[in-house]
Amino acid sequence: MGNVVLYIATSLDGYIATEDGGVAWLDQFNDGGGEDFGYSAFQDTVGAVIMGGKTYRQVLGFGEWSYQNLPSYVVTSQPLAEHPDADVRRVEGDFGALVQTIKAETDKDIFFVGGAQLIKAFVEQDLIDSYRIFVMPVMLGKGIPLFAELNSIQAVTLTDTRTFPQGVVELRYTVQHIS
């Protein structure tokens, strides 16, 4: 059974997006220098994707669908724009049941993309198994924080770190689940 993995980039000061939800500040790290920060290898371990509605709409704006051949579960109460090249499933309701359903469908990991509101809900419901957080050498000063106003404590264990030539640092944590 796979794990729910939050694989995400954050600024040095803890923001995943600008105040308006923009992520163009990450473009400077997509300069074609050949470094994908382990993303291709990670995608090989993934059997499904979970994201929020705002994140889905943002990803649609990037052009080619990033999650080909993967069922993508979009948590939203709003209707979704169709994507001709994607297996996109609109879901709402019980997040724990959603995770159990997906885990029953795939033995691979579940790529949890975000956004911030959904991250908060998943943390508070103890649904994330591990974190792969990429700290980018940029300070935004303000924006949408990775972890905002959590109402619970979650113990994690640092399992690995990796540094990249561009100054990016990957932090890997496993979650100490509440019994």
N, C-alpha and C. Protein backbone atom coordinates (compact mmCIF):
# COMPACT_ATOMS: atom_id res chain seq x y z
N MET A 1 0.85 -1.18 0.00
CA MET A 1 0.00 0.00 0.00
C MET A 1 0.89 1.23 0.00
N GLY A 2 0.60 2.15 -0.89
CA GLY A 2 1.41 3.36 -1.01
C GLY A 2 1.16 4.37 0.08
N ASN A 3 1.99 5.37 0.08
CA ASN A 3 1.90 6.45 1.05
C ASN A 3 1.37 7.72 0.41
N VAL A 4 0.73 8.56 1.21
CA VAL A 4 0.35 9.90 0.76
C VAL A 4 1.57 10.78 0.98
N VAL A 5 2.11 11.32 -0.12
CA VAL A 5 3.35 12.10 -0.08
C VAL A 5 3.07 13.53 -0.52
N LEU A 6 3.29 14.47 0.37
CA LEU A 6 3.22 15.88 -0.01
C LEU A 6 4.58 16.24 -0.60
N TYR A 7 4.61 16.49 -1.89
CA TYR A 7 5.83 16.82 -2.64
C TYR A 7 5.62 18.24 -3.11
N ILE A 8 6.36 19.20 -2.52
CA ILE A 8 6.03 20.60 -2.74
C ILE A 8 7.25 21.49 -2.58
N ALA A 9 7.23 22.62 -3.26
CA ALA A 9 8.28 23.63 -3.11
C ALA A 9 7.76 24.76 -2.23
N THR A 10 8.68 25.32 -1.45
CA THR A 10 8.36 26.46 -0.61
C THR A 10 9.51 27.44 -0.66
N SER A 11 9.20 28.69 -0.46
CA SER A 11 10.26 29.69 -0.37
C SER A 11 11.00 29.50 0.96
N LEU A 12 12.16 30.10 1.07
CA LEU A 12 12.92 30.01 2.31
C LEU A 12 12.12 30.50 3.50
N ASP A 13 11.25 31.49 3.26
CA ASP A 13 10.44 32.02 4.36
C ASP A 13 9.07 31.35 4.47
N GLY A 14 8.90 30.18 3.83
CA GLY A 14 7.75 29.32 4.11
C GLY A 14 6.50 29.51 3.27
N TYR A 15 6.61 30.16 2.12
CA TYR A 15 5.43 30.38 1.28
C TYR A 15 5.45 29.48 0.06
N ILE A 16 4.26 28.97 -0.32
CA ILE A 16 4.15 28.12 -1.50
C ILE A 16 3.66 28.91 -2.71
N ALA A 17 3.18 30.11 -2.48
CA ALA A 17 2.68 30.95 -3.58
C ALA A 17 2.65 32.40 -3.10
N THR A 18 2.56 33.29 -4.07
CA THR A 18 2.38 34.71 -3.73
C THR A 18 0.96 34.91 -3.21
N GLU A 19 0.67 36.10 -2.74
CA GLU A 19 -0.66 36.36 -2.18
C GLU A 19 -1.80 36.06 -3.15
N ASP A 20 -1.55 36.25 -4.44
CA ASP A 20 -2.59 36.00 -5.43
C ASP A 20 -2.55 34.55 -5.95
N GLY A 21 -1.76 33.68 -5.33
CA GLY A 21 -1.69 32.28 -5.71
C GLY A 21 -0.67 31.97 -6.79
N GLY A 22 0.10 32.97 -7.20
CA GLY A 22 1.06 32.79 -8.27
C GLY A 22 2.28 31.99 -7.86
N VAL A 23 2.81 31.24 -8.82
CA VAL A 23 4.02 30.46 -8.58
C VAL A 23 5.10 30.76 -9.62
N ALA A 24 4.98 31.88 -10.29
CA ALA A 24 5.97 32.26 -11.31
C ALA A 24 7.37 32.41 -10.71
N TRP A 25 7.46 32.64 -9.42
CA TRP A 25 8.76 32.76 -8.76
C TRP A 25 9.56 31.47 -8.85
N LEU A 26 8.89 30.36 -9.17
CA LEU A 26 9.58 29.07 -9.34
C LEU A 26 10.17 28.91 -10.73
N ASP A 27 9.75 29.75 -11.68
CA ASP A 27 10.22 29.61 -13.07
C ASP A 27 11.73 29.67 -13.20
N GLN A 28 12.36 30.44 -12.35
CA GLN A 28 13.83 30.57 -12.44
C GLN A 28 14.55 29.25 -12.19
N PHE A 29 13.86 28.27 -11.61
CA PHE A 29 14.46 26.97 -11.33
C PHE A 29 14.16 25.96 -12.44
N ASN A 30 13.43 26.40 -13.45
CA ASN A 30 13.11 25.56 -14.62
C ASN A 30 13.88 26.06 -15.83
N ASP A 31 15.14 26.35 -15.64
CA ASP A 31 15.94 26.99 -16.69
C ASP A 31 16.50 26.02 -17.72
N GLY A 32 16.12 24.76 -17.63
CA GLY A 32 16.61 23.80 -18.61
C GLY A 32 18.01 23.30 -18.30
N GLY A 33 18.50 23.54 -17.11
CA GLY A 33 19.83 23.08 -16.74
C GLY A 33 19.91 21.58 -16.52
N GLY A 34 18.84 20.88 -16.77
CA GLY A 34 18.86 19.43 -16.66
C GLY A 34 18.48 18.89 -15.30
N GLU A 35 18.31 19.75 -14.31
CA GLU A 35 17.97 19.29 -12.95
C GLU A 35 16.46 19.34 -12.77
N ASP A 36 15.88 18.19 -12.47
CA ASP A 36 14.43 18.17 -12.20
C ASP A 36 14.15 17.90 -10.71
N PHE A 37 15.20 17.96 -9.90
CA PHE A 37 15.08 17.81 -8.44
C PHE A 37 14.44 16.47 -8.05
N GLY A 38 14.67 15.44 -8.85
CA GLY A 38 14.15 14.11 -8.54
C GLY A 38 12.70 13.90 -8.92
N TYR A 39 12.11 14.86 -9.62
CA TYR A 39 10.69 14.80 -9.95
C TYR A 39 10.34 13.61 -10.84
N SER A 40 11.12 13.36 -11.88
CA SER A 40 10.84 12.23 -12.79
C SER A 40 10.88 10.90 -12.04
N ALA A 41 11.89 10.72 -11.21
CA ALA A 41 11.99 9.49 -10.44
C ALA A 41 10.82 9.37 -9.47
N PHE A 42 10.42 10.50 -8.86
CA PHE A 42 9.27 10.49 -7.95
C PHE A 42 8.01 10.08 -8.70
N GLN A 43 7.79 10.65 -9.88
CA GLN A 43 6.58 10.34 -10.64
C GLN A 43 6.49 8.85 -10.97
N ASP A 44 7.62 8.18 -11.10
CA ASP A 44 7.61 6.74 -11.36
C ASP A 44 7.06 5.95 -10.18
N THR A 45 7.04 6.53 -9.00
CA THR A 45 6.55 5.85 -7.80
C THR A 45 5.08 6.14 -7.52
N VAL A 46 4.46 6.99 -8.34
CA VAL A 46 3.13 7.52 -8.06
C VAL A 46 2.05 6.77 -8.83
N GLY A 47 0.94 6.47 -8.14
CA GLY A 47 -0.19 5.80 -8.77
C GLY A 47 -1.43 6.65 -8.86
N ALA A 48 -1.45 7.81 -8.19
CA ALA A 48 -2.60 8.71 -8.23
C ALA A 48 -2.17 10.08 -7.69
N VAL A 49 -3.00 11.07 -7.98
CA VAL A 49 -2.72 12.44 -7.57
C VAL A 49 -3.94 13.01 -6.86
N ILE A 50 -3.72 13.76 -5.78
CA ILE A 50 -4.79 14.50 -5.10
C ILE A 50 -4.40 15.97 -5.09
N MET A 51 -5.37 16.82 -5.43
CA MET A 51 -5.13 18.26 -5.38
C MET A 51 -6.45 18.97 -5.13
N GLY A 52 -6.35 20.22 -4.71
CA GLY A 52 -7.52 21.05 -4.52
C GLY A 52 -7.95 21.70 -5.83
N GLY A 53 -9.12 22.29 -5.82
CA GLY A 53 -9.68 22.91 -7.02
C GLY A 53 -8.87 24.08 -7.54
N LYS A 54 -8.37 24.93 -6.64
CA LYS A 54 -7.55 26.07 -7.09
C LYS A 54 -6.26 25.59 -7.74
N THR A 55 -5.66 24.57 -7.15
CA THR A 55 -4.43 24.01 -7.71
C THR A 55 -4.72 23.41 -9.08
N TYR A 56 -5.83 22.69 -9.21
CA TYR A 56 -6.20 22.10 -10.50
C TYR A 56 -6.33 23.17 -11.57
N ARG A 57 -7.05 24.24 -11.26
CA ARG A 57 -7.23 25.31 -12.25
C ARG A 57 -5.88 25.95 -12.61
N GLN A 58 -5.01 26.06 -11.64
CA GLN A 58 -3.68 26.62 -11.91
C GLN A 58 -2.87 25.69 -12.83
N VAL A 59 -2.90 24.39 -12.54
CA VAL A 59 -2.17 23.42 -13.35
C VAL A 59 -2.70 23.40 -14.78
N LEU A 60 -4.00 23.55 -14.95
CA LEU A 60 -4.57 23.62 -16.30
C LEU A 60 -3.94 24.75 -17.10
N GLY A 61 -3.62 25.84 -16.44
CA GLY A 61 -3.03 26.99 -17.11
C GLY A 61 -1.60 26.78 -17.55
N PHE A 62 -0.96 25.71 -17.10
CA PHE A 62 0.43 25.43 -17.47
C PHE A 62 0.55 24.80 -18.86
N GLY A 63 -0.58 24.41 -19.45
CA GLY A 63 -0.54 23.79 -20.77
C GLY A 63 -0.69 22.28 -20.67
N GLU A 64 0.31 21.53 -21.11
CA GLU A 64 0.25 20.07 -21.11
C GLU A 64 -0.01 19.55 -19.70
N TRP A 65 -0.89 18.57 -19.60
CA TRP A 65 -1.25 17.99 -18.30
C TRP A 65 -0.05 17.25 -17.72
N SER A 66 0.31 17.60 -16.50
CA SER A 66 1.52 17.06 -15.87
C SER A 66 1.38 15.63 -15.36
N TYR A 67 0.16 15.13 -15.28
CA TYR A 67 -0.08 13.85 -14.62
C TYR A 67 -0.71 12.85 -15.58
N GLN A 68 -0.11 12.70 -16.76
CA GLN A 68 -0.61 11.77 -17.77
C GLN A 68 -0.68 10.36 -17.19
N ASN A 69 -1.72 9.65 -17.54
CA ASN A 69 -1.90 8.24 -17.16
C ASN A 69 -2.07 8.03 -15.66
N LEU A 70 -2.36 9.08 -14.92
CA LEU A 70 -2.61 8.95 -13.48
C LEU A 70 -4.01 9.45 -13.16
N PRO A 71 -4.78 8.70 -12.40
CA PRO A 71 -6.04 9.26 -11.95
C PRO A 71 -5.76 10.45 -11.03
N SER A 72 -6.43 11.54 -11.32
CA SER A 72 -6.23 12.77 -10.54
C SER A 72 -7.53 13.10 -9.82
N TYR A 73 -7.47 13.14 -8.51
CA TYR A 73 -8.63 13.43 -7.68
C TYR A 73 -8.58 14.90 -7.28
N VAL A 74 -9.59 15.65 -7.69
CA VAL A 74 -9.63 17.08 -7.42
C VAL A 74 -10.71 17.31 -6.37
N VAL A 75 -10.28 17.79 -5.21
CA VAL A 75 -11.20 18.04 -4.10
C VAL A 75 -11.76 19.45 -4.27
N THR A 76 -13.05 19.52 -4.60
CA THR A 76 -13.71 20.80 -4.81
C THR A 76 -15.22 20.62 -4.79
N SER A 77 -15.91 21.68 -4.43
CA SER A 77 -17.37 21.67 -4.50
C SER A 77 -17.84 22.31 -5.79
N GLN A 78 -16.92 22.84 -6.57
CA GLN A 78 -17.26 23.53 -7.81
C GLN A 78 -17.11 22.59 -9.00
N PRO A 79 -17.86 22.86 -10.08
CA PRO A 79 -17.68 22.06 -11.30
C PRO A 79 -16.27 22.25 -11.84
N LEU A 80 -15.79 21.24 -12.56
CA LEU A 80 -14.44 21.29 -13.11
C LEU A 80 -14.48 21.42 -14.62
N ALA A 81 -13.53 22.18 -15.15
CA ALA A 81 -13.34 22.22 -16.59
C ALA A 81 -12.79 20.87 -17.03
N GLU A 82 -13.29 20.36 -18.11
CA GLU A 82 -12.81 19.08 -18.64
C GLU A 82 -11.39 19.22 -19.18
N HIS A 83 -10.64 18.17 -19.08
CA HIS A 83 -9.32 18.13 -19.68
C HIS A 83 -9.28 16.89 -20.56
N PRO A 84 -9.09 17.05 -21.88
CA PRO A 84 -9.20 15.91 -22.79
C PRO A 84 -8.15 14.82 -22.60
N ASP A 85 -7.02 15.16 -22.02
CA ASP A 85 -5.93 14.20 -21.88
C ASP A 85 -5.73 13.72 -20.45
N ALA A 86 -6.76 13.85 -19.62
CA ALA A 86 -6.56 13.52 -18.21
C ALA A 86 -7.71 12.70 -17.65
N ASP A 87 -7.36 11.85 -16.70
CA ASP A 87 -8.36 11.11 -15.93
C ASP A 87 -8.57 11.90 -14.64
N VAL A 88 -9.49 12.86 -14.70
CA VAL A 88 -9.73 13.76 -13.57
C VAL A 88 -11.06 13.40 -12.93
N ARG A 89 -11.03 13.26 -11.61
CA ARG A 89 -12.22 12.87 -10.86
C ARG A 89 -12.51 13.93 -9.79
N ARG A 90 -13.63 14.56 -9.89
CA ARG A 90 -14.04 15.56 -8.90
C ARG A 90 -14.57 14.83 -7.67
N VAL A 91 -14.05 15.22 -6.49
CA VAL A 91 -14.49 14.60 -5.24
C VAL A 91 -14.71 15.67 -4.18
N GLU A 92 -15.56 15.38 -3.25
CA GLU A 92 -15.73 16.22 -2.06
C GLU A 92 -16.15 15.31 -0.92
N GLY A 93 -16.07 15.83 0.28
CA GLY A 93 -16.51 15.03 1.41
C GLY A 93 -15.38 14.52 2.27
N ASP A 94 -15.50 13.28 2.69
CA ASP A 94 -14.63 12.64 3.67
C ASP A 94 -13.24 12.36 3.07
N PHE A 95 -12.22 13.11 3.51
CA PHE A 95 -10.86 12.95 2.98
C PHE A 95 -10.26 11.61 3.37
N GLY A 96 -10.55 11.15 4.57
CA GLY A 96 -10.04 9.85 5.01
C GLY A 96 -10.56 8.73 4.12
N ALA A 97 -11.84 8.78 3.78
CA ALA A 97 -12.42 7.77 2.89
C ALA A 97 -11.81 7.86 1.50
N LEU A 98 -11.55 9.08 1.04
CA LEU A 98 -10.91 9.27 -0.26
C LEU A 98 -9.54 8.60 -0.29
N VAL A 99 -8.74 8.84 0.73
CA VAL A 99 -7.40 8.25 0.80
C VAL A 99 -7.50 6.73 0.83
N GLN A 100 -8.41 6.18 1.61
CA GLN A 100 -8.56 4.72 1.68
C GLN A 100 -8.99 4.14 0.34
N THR A 101 -9.89 4.84 -0.37
CA THR A 101 -10.33 4.40 -1.69
C THR A 101 -9.16 4.35 -2.66
N ILE A 102 -8.36 5.41 -2.67
CA ILE A 102 -7.23 5.47 -3.59
C ILE A 102 -6.20 4.40 -3.22
N LYS A 103 -5.93 4.23 -1.93
CA LYS A 103 -4.97 3.20 -1.51
C LYS A 103 -5.43 1.80 -1.90
N ALA A 104 -6.74 1.59 -1.97
CA ALA A 104 -7.27 0.29 -2.40
C ALA A 104 -7.11 0.10 -3.91
N GLU A 105 -6.99 1.20 -4.65
CA GLU A 105 -6.88 1.14 -6.11
C GLU A 105 -5.44 1.05 -6.61
N THR A 106 -4.47 1.46 -5.81
CA THR A 106 -3.08 1.44 -6.26
C THR A 106 -2.15 1.07 -5.11
N ASP A 107 -1.09 0.35 -5.45
CA ASP A 107 -0.06 0.03 -4.47
C ASP A 107 1.04 1.09 -4.46
N LYS A 108 0.97 2.01 -5.42
CA LYS A 108 1.98 3.05 -5.52
C LYS A 108 1.63 4.21 -4.59
N ASP A 109 2.55 5.17 -4.50
CA ASP A 109 2.33 6.34 -3.66
C ASP A 109 1.27 7.26 -4.26
N ILE A 110 0.72 8.09 -3.40
CA ILE A 110 -0.27 9.08 -3.80
C ILE A 110 0.41 10.44 -3.70
N PHE A 111 0.51 11.12 -4.83
CA PHE A 111 1.14 12.43 -4.91
C PHE A 111 0.12 13.46 -4.45
N PHE A 112 0.36 14.03 -3.28
CA PHE A 112 -0.52 15.06 -2.74
C PHE A 112 0.09 16.40 -3.10
N VAL A 113 -0.58 17.12 -4.00
CA VAL A 113 -0.05 18.35 -4.57
C VAL A 113 -0.37 19.58 -3.72
N GLY A 114 -1.53 19.64 -3.13
CA GLY A 114 -1.95 20.83 -2.37
C GLY A 114 -3.25 21.34 -2.94
N GLY A 115 -3.61 22.50 -2.66
CA GLY A 115 -3.06 23.69 -2.07
C GLY A 115 -3.17 23.78 -0.57
N ALA A 116 -2.99 25.01 -0.14
CA ALA A 116 -2.79 25.31 1.28
C ALA A 116 -3.97 24.88 2.15
N GLN A 117 -5.19 25.14 1.73
CA GLN A 117 -6.35 24.77 2.54
C GLN A 117 -6.47 23.26 2.67
N LEU A 118 -6.20 22.57 1.58
CA LEU A 118 -6.28 21.11 1.60
C LEU A 118 -5.13 20.52 2.41
N ILE A 119 -3.95 21.11 2.32
CA ILE A 119 -2.82 20.66 3.13
C ILE A 119 -3.19 20.74 4.61
N LYS A 120 -3.75 21.87 5.00
CA LYS A 120 -4.15 22.06 6.41
C LYS A 120 -5.12 20.96 6.84
N ALA A 121 -6.12 20.68 6.02
CA ALA A 121 -7.11 19.65 6.36
C ALA A 121 -6.47 18.28 6.45
N PHE A 122 -5.58 17.94 5.53
CA PHE A 122 -4.93 16.63 5.55
C PHE A 122 -4.00 16.49 6.76
N VAL A 123 -3.27 17.55 7.11
CA VAL A 123 -2.41 17.50 8.29
C VAL A 123 -3.26 17.27 9.53
N GLU A 124 -4.33 18.05 9.66
CA GLU A 124 -5.16 17.97 10.86
C GLU A 124 -5.89 16.63 10.97
N GLN A 125 -6.11 15.95 9.84
CA GLN A 125 -6.75 14.64 9.88
C GLN A 125 -5.72 13.50 9.83
N ASP A 126 -4.43 13.85 9.92
CA ASP A 126 -3.34 12.87 9.97
C ASP A 126 -3.36 11.93 8.75
N LEU A 127 -3.52 12.52 7.56
CA LEU A 127 -3.63 11.73 6.33
C LEU A 127 -2.36 11.73 5.49
N ILE A 128 -1.37 12.53 5.85
CA ILE A 128 -0.12 12.58 5.10
C ILE A 128 0.88 11.63 5.75
N ASP A 129 1.51 10.79 4.93
CA ASP A 129 2.47 9.82 5.45
C ASP A 129 3.90 10.34 5.41
N SER A 130 4.20 11.17 4.41
CA SER A 130 5.55 11.71 4.33
C SER A 130 5.54 13.04 3.57
N TYR A 131 6.61 13.79 3.82
CA TYR A 131 6.79 15.10 3.21
C TYR A 131 8.09 15.11 2.42
N ARG A 132 8.03 15.68 1.21
CA ARG A 132 9.23 16.01 0.45
C ARG A 132 9.10 17.50 0.15
N ILE A 133 9.79 18.27 0.94
CA ILE A 133 9.69 19.73 0.86
C ILE A 133 10.98 20.27 0.26
N PHE A 134 10.81 21.04 -0.81
CA PHE A 134 11.94 21.63 -1.50
C PHE A 134 12.00 23.11 -1.13
N VAL A 135 13.01 23.46 -0.36
CA VAL A 135 13.19 24.84 0.08
C VAL A 135 13.99 25.56 -1.00
N MET A 136 13.34 26.54 -1.61
CA MET A 136 13.94 27.28 -2.71
C MET A 136 14.64 28.52 -2.17
N PRO A 137 15.80 28.87 -2.72
CA PRO A 137 16.56 30.01 -2.20
C PRO A 137 15.97 31.36 -2.67
N VAL A 138 14.72 31.59 -2.22
CA VAL A 138 13.98 32.80 -2.54
C VAL A 138 13.18 33.18 -1.30
N MET A 139 13.12 34.47 -1.00
CA MET A 139 12.25 34.92 0.09
C MET A 139 11.17 35.80 -0.53
N LEU A 140 9.92 35.43 -0.31
CA LEU A 140 8.80 36.16 -0.90
C LEU A 140 8.31 37.29 0.01
N GLY A 141 8.54 37.18 1.29
CA GLY A 141 8.12 38.23 2.21
C GLY A 141 6.67 38.11 2.66
N LYS A 142 5.82 37.64 1.77
CA LYS A 142 4.41 37.40 2.10
C LYS A 142 3.84 36.49 1.02
N GLY A 143 2.71 35.91 1.33
CA GLY A 143 2.10 35.00 0.38
C GLY A 143 1.26 33.96 1.08
N ILE A 144 1.09 32.83 0.43
CA ILE A 144 0.31 31.72 0.99
C ILE A 144 1.28 30.77 1.68
N PRO A 145 1.16 30.63 3.00
CA PRO A 145 2.11 29.79 3.73
C PRO A 145 1.87 28.29 3.50
N LEU A 146 2.94 27.53 3.58
CA LEU A 146 2.84 26.08 3.45
C LEU A 146 1.96 25.51 4.56
N PHE A 147 2.22 25.90 5.79
CA PHE A 147 1.44 25.42 6.92
C PHE A 147 0.87 26.62 7.66
N ALA A 148 -0.42 26.83 7.53
CA ALA A 148 -1.04 28.00 8.13
C ALA A 148 -1.98 27.61 9.26
N GLU A 149 -1.74 28.17 10.41
CA GLU A 149 -2.66 28.08 11.55
C GLU A 149 -3.19 26.67 11.79
N LEU A 150 -2.28 25.73 11.92
CA LEU A 150 -2.69 24.36 12.19
C LEU A 150 -3.31 24.26 13.58
N ASN A 151 -4.30 23.41 13.71
CA ASN A 151 -4.97 23.20 14.99
C ASN A 151 -4.54 21.90 15.65
N SER A 152 -3.42 21.37 15.20
CA SER A 152 -2.93 20.12 15.77
C SER A 152 -1.41 20.10 15.71
N ILE A 153 -0.85 19.19 16.46
CA ILE A 153 0.59 18.98 16.46
C ILE A 153 0.84 17.69 15.71
N GLN A 154 1.85 17.69 14.85
CA GLN A 154 2.19 16.48 14.12
C GLN A 154 3.69 16.23 14.27
N ALA A 155 4.03 15.08 14.81
CA ALA A 155 5.43 14.72 14.96
C ALA A 155 5.94 14.12 13.66
N VAL A 156 7.11 14.58 13.23
CA VAL A 156 7.74 14.06 12.02
C VAL A 156 9.19 13.72 12.31
N THR A 157 9.74 12.83 11.49
CA THR A 157 11.14 12.44 11.62
C THR A 157 11.85 12.75 10.31
N LEU A 158 12.95 13.50 10.41
CA LEU A 158 13.75 13.79 9.24
C LEU A 158 14.44 12.51 8.80
N THR A 159 14.21 12.10 7.53
CA THR A 159 14.79 10.86 7.03
C THR A 159 15.89 11.08 6.00
N ASP A 160 15.92 12.27 5.37
CA ASP A 160 16.94 12.52 4.37
C ASP A 160 16.97 14.00 4.02
N THR A 161 18.12 14.45 3.58
CA THR A 161 18.26 15.79 3.02
C THR A 161 19.10 15.68 1.76
N ARG A 162 18.89 16.62 0.88
CA ARG A 162 19.67 16.64 -0.36
C ARG A 162 19.80 18.09 -0.79
N THR A 163 20.98 18.46 -1.21
CA THR A 163 21.20 19.81 -1.71
C THR A 163 21.48 19.75 -3.21
N PHE A 164 21.09 20.80 -3.90
CA PHE A 164 21.25 20.89 -5.35
C PHE A 164 22.10 22.11 -5.68
N PRO A 165 22.78 22.09 -6.81
CA PRO A 165 23.68 23.19 -7.17
C PRO A 165 23.02 24.58 -7.20
N GLN A 166 21.73 24.66 -7.49
CA GLN A 166 21.05 25.95 -7.54
C GLN A 166 20.73 26.51 -6.16
N GLY A 167 21.12 25.80 -5.11
CA GLY A 167 20.85 26.26 -3.75
C GLY A 167 19.55 25.71 -3.17
N VAL A 168 18.90 24.82 -3.88
CA VAL A 168 17.67 24.19 -3.42
C VAL A 168 18.04 23.09 -2.43
N VAL A 169 17.25 22.97 -1.36
CA VAL A 169 17.45 21.92 -0.36
C VAL A 169 16.17 21.11 -0.26
N GLU A 170 16.31 19.79 -0.42
CA GLU A 170 15.17 18.90 -0.23
C GLU A 170 15.22 18.34 1.18
N LEU A 171 14.09 18.41 1.86
CA LEU A 171 13.93 17.83 3.20
C LEU A 171 12.89 16.73 3.11
N ARG A 172 13.23 15.54 3.59
CA ARG A 172 12.28 14.43 3.59
C ARG A 172 11.96 14.07 5.03
N TYR A 173 10.67 13.99 5.31
CA TYR A 173 10.18 13.64 6.63
C TYR A 173 9.16 12.53 6.53
N THR A 174 9.15 11.65 7.51
CA THR A 174 8.04 10.71 7.66
C THR A 174 7.23 11.16 8.86
N VAL A 175 5.97 10.85 8.81
CA VAL A 175 5.03 11.27 9.86
C VAL A 175 4.92 10.18 10.91
N GLN A 176 4.94 10.60 12.15
CA GLN A 176 4.71 9.68 13.27
C GLN A 176 3.21 9.73 13.55
N HIS A 177 2.47 8.79 12.93
CA HIS A 177 1.01 8.83 13.01
C HIS A 177 0.51 8.63 14.43
N ILE A 178 -0.59 9.30 14.71
CA ILE A 178 -1.28 9.18 15.99
C ILE A 178 -1.97 7.83 16.03
N SER A 179 -1.78 7.09 17.10
CA SER A 179 -2.42 5.76 17.16
C SER A 179 -3.78 5.85 17.76
